[in-house]
Protein backbone atom coordinates (compact mmCIF):
# COMPACT_ATOMS: atom_id res chain seq x y z
CA LEU A 1 12.53 -7.72 4.74
CA LYS A 2 14.17 -6.84 8.06
CA GLN A 3 17.59 -7.89 6.77
CA ARG A 4 17.22 -5.70 3.71
CA LEU A 5 15.97 -2.76 5.77
CA GLU A 6 18.95 -3.15 8.08
CA ALA A 7 21.30 -3.26 5.10
CA ARG A 8 19.77 -0.07 3.63
CA PHE A 9 19.08 1.90 6.82
CA GLY A 10 21.32 0.30 9.46
CA ASN A 11 23.89 3.10 9.28
CA HIS A 12 21.53 5.89 8.18
CA HIS A 13 22.18 9.05 10.19
CA HIS A 14 18.46 9.55 10.86
CA VAL A 15 17.36 5.99 11.66
CA GLY A 16 17.26 5.28 15.37
CA ASP A 17 15.91 1.74 15.25
CA ILE A 18 14.41 -0.94 13.04
CA ARG A 19 12.15 -3.29 14.96
CA GLY A 20 9.31 -5.72 14.59
CA ARG A 21 8.58 -9.33 13.78
CA GLY A 22 8.04 -11.10 10.53
CA LEU A 23 6.71 -8.69 7.95
CA PHE A 24 5.33 -6.21 10.52
CA LEU A 25 8.22 -3.78 10.94
CA GLY A 26 8.74 -0.25 12.18
CA ILE A 27 11.51 2.20 11.41
CA GLU A 28 12.15 4.99 13.93
CA PHE A 29 13.54 8.29 12.64
CA VAL A 30 15.67 10.62 14.75
CA ARG A 31 17.37 13.95 14.21
CA ASP A 32 20.60 12.52 15.61
CA ARG A 33 21.37 8.80 15.66
CA THR A 34 23.86 9.05 18.53
CA THR A 35 21.67 10.99 20.97
CA LYS A 36 18.33 9.67 19.61
CA GLU A 37 17.07 13.27 19.62
CA PRO A 38 13.72 13.32 17.78
CA PHE A 39 12.71 15.65 15.00
CA ASP A 40 10.48 18.60 15.89
CA PRO A 41 6.88 17.27 15.85
CA ALA A 42 5.80 20.34 13.84
CA GLN A 43 7.87 19.02 10.92
CA LYS A 44 5.64 15.91 10.70
CA LEU A 45 8.41 13.78 9.24
CA ASN A 46 6.31 10.61 9.44
CA ALA A 47 3.57 12.18 7.30
CA ARG A 48 6.16 13.50 4.84
CA ILE A 49 7.61 10.00 4.45
CA LYS A 50 4.12 8.61 3.85
CA SER A 51 3.43 11.28 1.22
CA GLU A 52 6.75 10.68 -0.54
CA GLY A 53 6.15 6.94 -0.39
CA MET A 54 2.66 7.25 -1.89
CA ALA A 55 4.09 9.37 -4.71
CA ARG A 56 6.34 6.39 -5.49
CA GLY A 57 3.64 3.73 -5.14
CA LEU A 58 4.55 2.63 -1.60
CA MET A 59 2.05 2.43 1.24
CA CYS A 60 3.49 2.80 4.72
CA TYR A 61 1.78 3.75 7.93
CA PRO A 62 3.00 7.02 9.50
CA MET A 63 3.08 7.04 13.27
CA PRO A 64 3.82 10.14 15.35
CA GLY A 65 4.50 10.19 19.06
CA THR A 66 6.95 7.31 19.29
CA ILE A 67 8.52 8.71 22.46
CA ASP A 68 5.78 10.27 24.56
CA GLY A 69 2.65 10.46 22.45
CA ARG A 70 3.81 13.71 20.86
CA ARG A 71 7.52 13.56 20.00
CA GLY A 72 9.09 10.96 17.76
CA ASP A 73 8.49 9.66 14.26
CA HIS A 74 8.28 6.19 12.84
CA VAL A 75 6.68 4.42 9.93
CA VAL A 76 5.31 0.90 9.90
CA LEU A 77 5.53 -1.53 7.02
CA ALA A 78 3.04 -4.39 6.84
CA PRO A 79 3.19 -5.95 3.36
CA PRO A 80 1.08 -8.98 2.44
CA TYR A 81 2.45 -12.41 3.27
CA ILE A 82 2.56 -13.33 -0.42
CA ILE A 83 5.43 -10.96 -1.30
CA ASP A 84 8.53 -12.32 -2.97
CA ASP A 85 12.14 -11.11 -3.04
CA SER A 86 11.51 -8.69 -5.89
CA HIS A 87 8.73 -7.03 -3.88
CA VAL A 88 10.99 -6.75 -0.83
CA ASP A 89 13.63 -5.05 -2.97
CA GLU A 90 11.00 -2.67 -4.36
CA ILE A 91 9.69 -1.80 -0.88
CA VAL A 92 13.16 -1.05 0.48
CA ASP A 93 14.16 0.94 -2.61
CA LYS A 94 11.00 3.06 -2.61
CA LEU A 95 11.17 3.61 1.14
CA GLY A 96 14.79 4.72 0.81
CA GLN A 97 13.82 7.24 -1.84
CA ALA A 98 10.87 8.46 0.24
CA VAL A 99 12.95 8.88 3.41
CA ASP A 100 15.72 10.72 1.59
CA ALA A 101 13.24 13.06 -0.12
CA ALA A 102 11.27 13.71 3.07
CA ILE A 103 14.39 14.53 5.09
CA ALA A 104 15.77 16.72 2.30
CA GLY A 105 12.45 18.57 2.27
CA LEU A 106 12.83 19.51 5.93
CA SER A 107 15.70 21.83 5.14
CA ALA A 108 14.18 23.24 1.96
């Protein structure tokens, strides 16, 4: 799962980090990848990603306050240990769609 997330999001302009162990992984989202500047907390990007994910049949755990308890957005993935490669592909695909839609919605 981590390898596929890194392939999909490793160069994404708004992904600051992908971290975790095994199937428990977090993806940090930033306004600017170079400076690691976070999104405005009022935008609630993590909650938007969760909502977009749920609309696509993906459950992820939105987590605000990555930086200081207030600023910073990340989502956590914790799929069951019985997933297979097709499920990993589905998770990464749906998360990609959710992230793209949530970020596009910030400027709408």
